[in-house]
Every structure is written in structure tokens, then in C-alpha cells.
Amino acid sequence: MKVIYDPDRDILQLSFNQQLVEETTQITPGLILDYDEDGHIIGIEIRQASRKVDNPQEITYAIGEADTSKPDVVFDEAEKAKLRNRQ
């Protein structure tokens, strides 16, 4: 995995592997997902990162239990259809 912060453009990118990006989708303004040719998510891009992340130039890496206390994910009908088509 690779994390890049571009301070000139205020963009934070997380790449999960080195696959080629075949498609991108803006999920919400400033949040972009990258997909490989099989439709798997291979990266995340956060624009205006300094407004959305405490400090985009600092990373803390930890191994431990994931936070599973988050609310359930809610999809609108268009997103549900898009996910079904990817599977």
C-alpha cells in the first residue's frame, strides 16, 4: 500500500496495490474511488484533504482490532445497482 499527500494540490491518495486504474468514481464531492479492470477498489483519493483530515502530512500505522461500532452503510438505489453490476 502507498500513501501520497500532494500539498500543492491538497490531494491525499491511498493506493492498495499497483494495478492500473481503469475507472474512477466520485462518491461524494472530493472523495474518489479508483477501480481495476475487474471492478475492484484499488485506491482512494481525497481532495481538499487538509479540510477533511486532521493532518494529511502525518500518518499513524497500527495493528489491532478494527472499529466495528460504526453505523451500517446506507446506499441509495443508484449505488446499489452499480455495486450489483460490479459483482
Protein backbone atom coordinates (compact mmCIF):
# COMPACT_ATOMS: atom_id res chain seq x y z
CA MET A 1 0.00 0.00 0.00
CA LYS A 2 1.20 3.50 -0.78
CA VAL A 3 0.05 6.84 0.66
CA ILE A 4 0.84 10.11 -1.11
CA TYR A 5 -0.04 13.63 0.01
CA ASP A 6 0.40 16.38 -2.59
CA PRO A 7 0.44 19.65 -0.59
CA ASP A 8 0.37 21.82 -3.73
CA ARG A 9 -2.92 20.27 -4.86
CA ASP A 10 -4.10 19.29 -1.34
CA ILE A 11 -4.79 15.73 -2.51
CA LEU A 12 -4.33 12.60 -0.39
CA GLN A 13 -4.09 9.33 -2.34
CA LEU A 14 -4.13 5.80 -0.97
CA SER A 15 -3.18 3.04 -3.41
CA PHE A 16 -3.88 -0.51 -2.25
CA ASN A 17 -1.79 -2.17 -4.97
CA GLN A 18 -0.02 -1.35 -8.22
CA GLN A 19 -2.82 -2.34 -10.60
CA LEU A 20 -3.68 0.09 -13.38
CA VAL A 21 -6.66 2.33 -12.68
CA GLU A 22 -9.34 1.52 -15.26
CA GLU A 23 -12.18 3.60 -13.83
CA THR A 24 -12.77 6.28 -11.21
CA THR A 25 -15.98 7.28 -9.47
CA GLN A 26 -16.62 10.36 -7.36
CA ILE A 27 -18.64 9.04 -4.41
CA THR A 28 -19.18 12.46 -2.81
CA PRO A 29 -17.56 15.80 -3.63
CA GLY A 30 -13.83 15.33 -3.14
CA LEU A 31 -13.95 11.56 -2.45
CA ILE A 32 -12.91 9.44 -5.42
CA LEU A 33 -12.58 5.66 -5.70
CA ASP A 34 -10.27 4.01 -8.22
CA TYR A 35 -11.13 0.60 -9.72
CA ASP A 36 -9.11 -2.00 -11.59
CA GLU A 37 -10.31 -3.78 -14.75
CA ASP A 38 -12.29 -6.28 -12.65
CA GLY A 39 -14.14 -3.54 -10.78
CA HIS A 40 -12.26 -3.96 -7.51
CA ILE A 41 -11.44 -0.85 -5.49
CA ILE A 42 -7.70 -0.28 -5.66
CA GLY A 43 -7.41 3.28 -4.39
CA ILE A 44 -8.99 6.25 -2.69
CA GLU A 45 -8.38 9.91 -3.40
CA ILE A 46 -9.39 12.70 -1.03
CA ARG A 47 -9.37 16.21 -2.48
CA GLN A 48 -9.09 19.25 -0.21
CA ALA A 49 -7.57 16.79 2.23
CA SER A 50 -6.42 19.43 4.71
CA ARG A 51 -10.10 20.28 5.31
CA LYS A 52 -11.09 16.63 5.87
CA VAL A 53 -8.08 15.09 7.64
CA ASP A 54 -6.57 16.35 10.90
CA ASN A 55 -3.07 16.43 9.42
CA PRO A 56 -2.63 14.95 5.92
CA GLN A 57 1.16 15.08 6.35
CA GLU A 58 1.12 12.75 9.37
CA ILE A 59 0.40 9.02 9.36
CA THR A 60 -0.12 6.68 12.28
CA TYR A 61 0.05 2.99 11.44
CA ALA A 62 -1.31 0.49 13.94
CA ILE A 63 -2.15 -3.17 14.01
CA GLY A 64 -5.15 -4.10 16.11
CA GLU A 65 -8.89 -4.61 16.07
CA ALA A 66 -10.94 -2.70 13.53
CA ASP A 67 -13.59 -0.27 14.73
CA THR A 68 -16.80 -2.21 14.08
CA SER A 69 -19.02 0.13 16.09
CA LYS A 70 -19.73 2.33 13.07
CA PRO A 71 -23.29 2.71 11.75
CA ASP A 72 -24.42 0.44 8.91
CA VAL A 73 -23.60 1.60 5.39
CA VAL A 74 -26.56 3.13 3.56
CA PHE A 75 -26.71 3.06 -0.24
CA ASP A 76 -29.15 4.83 -2.49
CA GLU A 77 -30.75 2.79 -5.30
CA ALA A 78 -28.26 4.01 -7.93
CA GLU A 79 -25.30 2.91 -5.81
CA LYS A 80 -26.94 -0.47 -5.11
CA ALA A 81 -27.37 -1.04 -8.85
CA LYS A 82 -23.77 -0.01 -9.53
CA LEU A 83 -22.48 -2.44 -6.87
CA ARG A 84 -24.62 -5.28 -8.25
CA ASN A 85 -23.18 -4.67 -11.74
CA ARG A 86 -19.61 -4.84 -10.40
CA GLN A 87 -20.07 -8.24 -8.75
